[in-house]
Amino acid sequence: MNRTIHRACAIAEIVMLTGVSGAEVRTIKVISGTYGANCGAENGNATHDLTLQCDGLDTCQYTPDRKRISDATRVCRKDLQAEWRCTDSEFHTAMLSPEAGVNSTLVLSCVEQNGPGH
């Protein structure tokens, strides 16, 4: 009897773990970041900095730091482009226009929106 109960508990644990591991984790996985594409900057020049700041978070407020990003064209007002995934099948892009100005923040998010309009 005791062996039967132990086996049933072990099977229940496996079923529970399988259900938990099947759930998708919704965190930011940066694909690419480019700062100043409109000024001729190299594609992906902000990817490393964006990854350091945002990977693994559910929401990230990113402000490009020109000290950590290759910025050869300082006289041009730059755009910011970001691409990221939340799950294997969910891809996002966002952009700040050059008119947003220096020290503007781009928000990346993997928070699932529920409610009216979503």
Protein backbone atom coordinates (compact mmCIF):
# COMPACT_ATOMS: atom_id res chain seq x y z
CA MET A 1 0.00 0.00 0.00
CA ASN A 2 2.75 2.44 0.97
CA ARG A 3 4.63 1.73 -2.30
CA THR A 4 1.45 2.44 -4.32
CA ILE A 5 0.92 5.80 -2.61
CA HIS A 6 4.58 6.74 -3.12
CA ARG A 7 4.35 5.87 -6.85
CA ALA A 8 1.10 7.88 -7.25
CA CYS A 9 2.71 10.92 -5.59
CA ALA A 10 5.75 10.64 -7.86
CA ILE A 11 3.53 10.51 -10.95
CA ALA A 12 1.54 13.52 -9.72
CA GLU A 13 4.78 15.49 -9.23
CA ILE A 14 5.91 14.69 -12.77
CA VAL A 15 2.57 15.82 -14.19
CA MET A 16 2.72 19.08 -12.16
CA LEU A 17 6.31 19.82 -13.26
CA THR A 18 5.44 19.14 -16.88
CA GLY A 19 2.57 21.63 -16.66
CA VAL A 20 4.79 24.29 -15.10
CA SER A 21 7.66 23.84 -17.55
CA GLY A 22 5.24 24.19 -20.48
CA ALA A 23 4.37 27.77 -19.48
CA GLU A 24 6.15 30.43 -21.53
CA VAL A 25 8.29 32.92 -19.64
CA ARG A 26 7.63 36.44 -20.90
CA THR A 27 10.88 38.36 -20.57
CA ILE A 28 12.76 40.59 -22.98
CA LYS A 29 15.30 38.96 -25.29
CA VAL A 30 17.00 41.72 -27.29
CA ILE A 31 17.50 40.97 -30.98
CA SER A 32 18.93 44.29 -32.16
CA GLY A 33 19.39 47.92 -31.19
CA THR A 34 20.55 50.70 -33.50
CA TYR A 35 21.22 54.28 -32.45
CA GLY A 36 21.50 56.81 -35.28
CA ALA A 37 20.55 54.75 -38.34
CA ASN A 38 19.14 57.96 -39.80
CA CYS A 39 22.67 59.46 -39.55
CA GLY A 40 24.44 56.51 -41.14
CA ALA A 41 25.32 54.61 -37.94
CA GLU A 42 26.21 50.94 -38.22
CA ASN A 43 23.21 48.64 -37.86
CA GLY A 44 23.16 47.01 -34.40
CA ASN A 45 25.60 49.47 -32.81
CA ALA A 46 23.46 49.66 -29.63
CA THR A 47 22.64 45.94 -29.37
CA HIS A 48 25.24 45.18 -26.69
CA ASP A 49 24.20 48.12 -24.48
CA LEU A 50 20.49 47.40 -24.95
CA THR A 51 21.08 43.74 -24.06
CA LEU A 52 22.99 44.66 -20.89
CA GLN A 53 20.20 46.98 -19.78
CA CYS A 54 17.08 45.03 -20.77
CA ASP A 55 17.58 41.28 -21.33
CA GLY A 56 15.63 39.14 -18.86
CA LEU A 57 13.33 41.92 -17.64
CA ASP A 58 9.58 42.08 -18.28
CA THR A 59 9.75 45.87 -18.82
CA CYS A 60 12.75 48.10 -19.50
CA GLN A 61 13.12 51.86 -19.86
CA TYR A 62 16.14 52.29 -22.12
CA THR A 63 18.00 55.55 -22.63
CA PRO A 64 20.95 55.22 -25.02
CA ASP A 65 24.28 56.07 -23.40
CA ARG A 66 26.54 57.60 -26.06
CA LYS A 67 29.61 56.66 -23.97
CA ARG A 68 28.78 52.94 -24.39
CA ILE A 69 27.59 53.11 -28.02
CA SER A 70 29.74 53.76 -31.07
CA ASP A 71 28.61 57.28 -32.04
CA ALA A 72 30.68 58.61 -34.93
CA THR A 73 28.17 61.28 -36.02
CA ARG A 74 27.62 63.42 -32.94
CA VAL A 75 26.25 66.43 -34.84
CA CYS A 76 23.18 64.61 -36.18
CA ARG A 77 19.97 64.16 -34.12
CA LYS A 78 19.60 60.38 -33.92
CA ASP A 79 16.78 57.89 -33.99
CA LEU A 80 16.72 54.73 -31.86
CA GLN A 81 15.42 51.39 -33.10
CA ALA A 82 14.95 48.28 -30.96
CA GLU A 83 13.84 44.75 -31.77
CA TRP A 84 13.10 42.13 -29.12
CA ARG A 85 11.26 38.91 -28.43
CA CYS A 86 9.06 38.01 -25.47
CA THR A 87 8.54 34.36 -26.47
CA ASP A 88 9.74 32.27 -29.39
CA SER A 89 6.77 33.43 -31.47
CA GLU A 90 6.28 37.02 -30.21
CA PHE A 91 8.46 39.67 -31.90
CA HIS A 92 8.39 43.44 -31.23
CA THR A 93 9.92 46.56 -32.73
CA ALA A 94 9.89 50.11 -31.44
CA MET A 95 11.50 53.37 -32.45
CA LEU A 96 12.19 56.84 -31.13
CA SER A 97 12.32 59.53 -33.78
CA PRO A 98 15.24 61.98 -33.88
CA GLU A 99 12.85 64.70 -32.75
CA ALA A 100 12.55 62.96 -29.37
CA GLY A 101 15.96 64.39 -28.51
CA VAL A 102 18.91 63.36 -26.37
CA ASN A 103 18.13 61.45 -23.15
CA SER A 104 14.75 60.26 -24.44
CA THR A 105 13.62 56.87 -23.20
CA LEU A 106 12.31 53.93 -25.19
CA VAL A 107 10.17 51.44 -23.26
CA LEU A 108 10.46 47.74 -24.12
CA SER A 109 7.87 45.46 -22.56
CA CYS A 110 6.76 41.85 -22.42
CA VAL A 111 3.94 42.51 -19.96
CA GLU A 112 0.83 40.88 -21.35
CA GLN A 113 -1.98 43.40 -21.76
CA ASN A 114 -5.46 42.28 -20.74
CA GLY A 115 -8.63 44.26 -20.65
CA PRO A 116 -10.57 46.63 -22.91
CA GLY A 117 -8.95 47.25 -26.28
CA HIS A 118 -6.46 44.38 -26.01
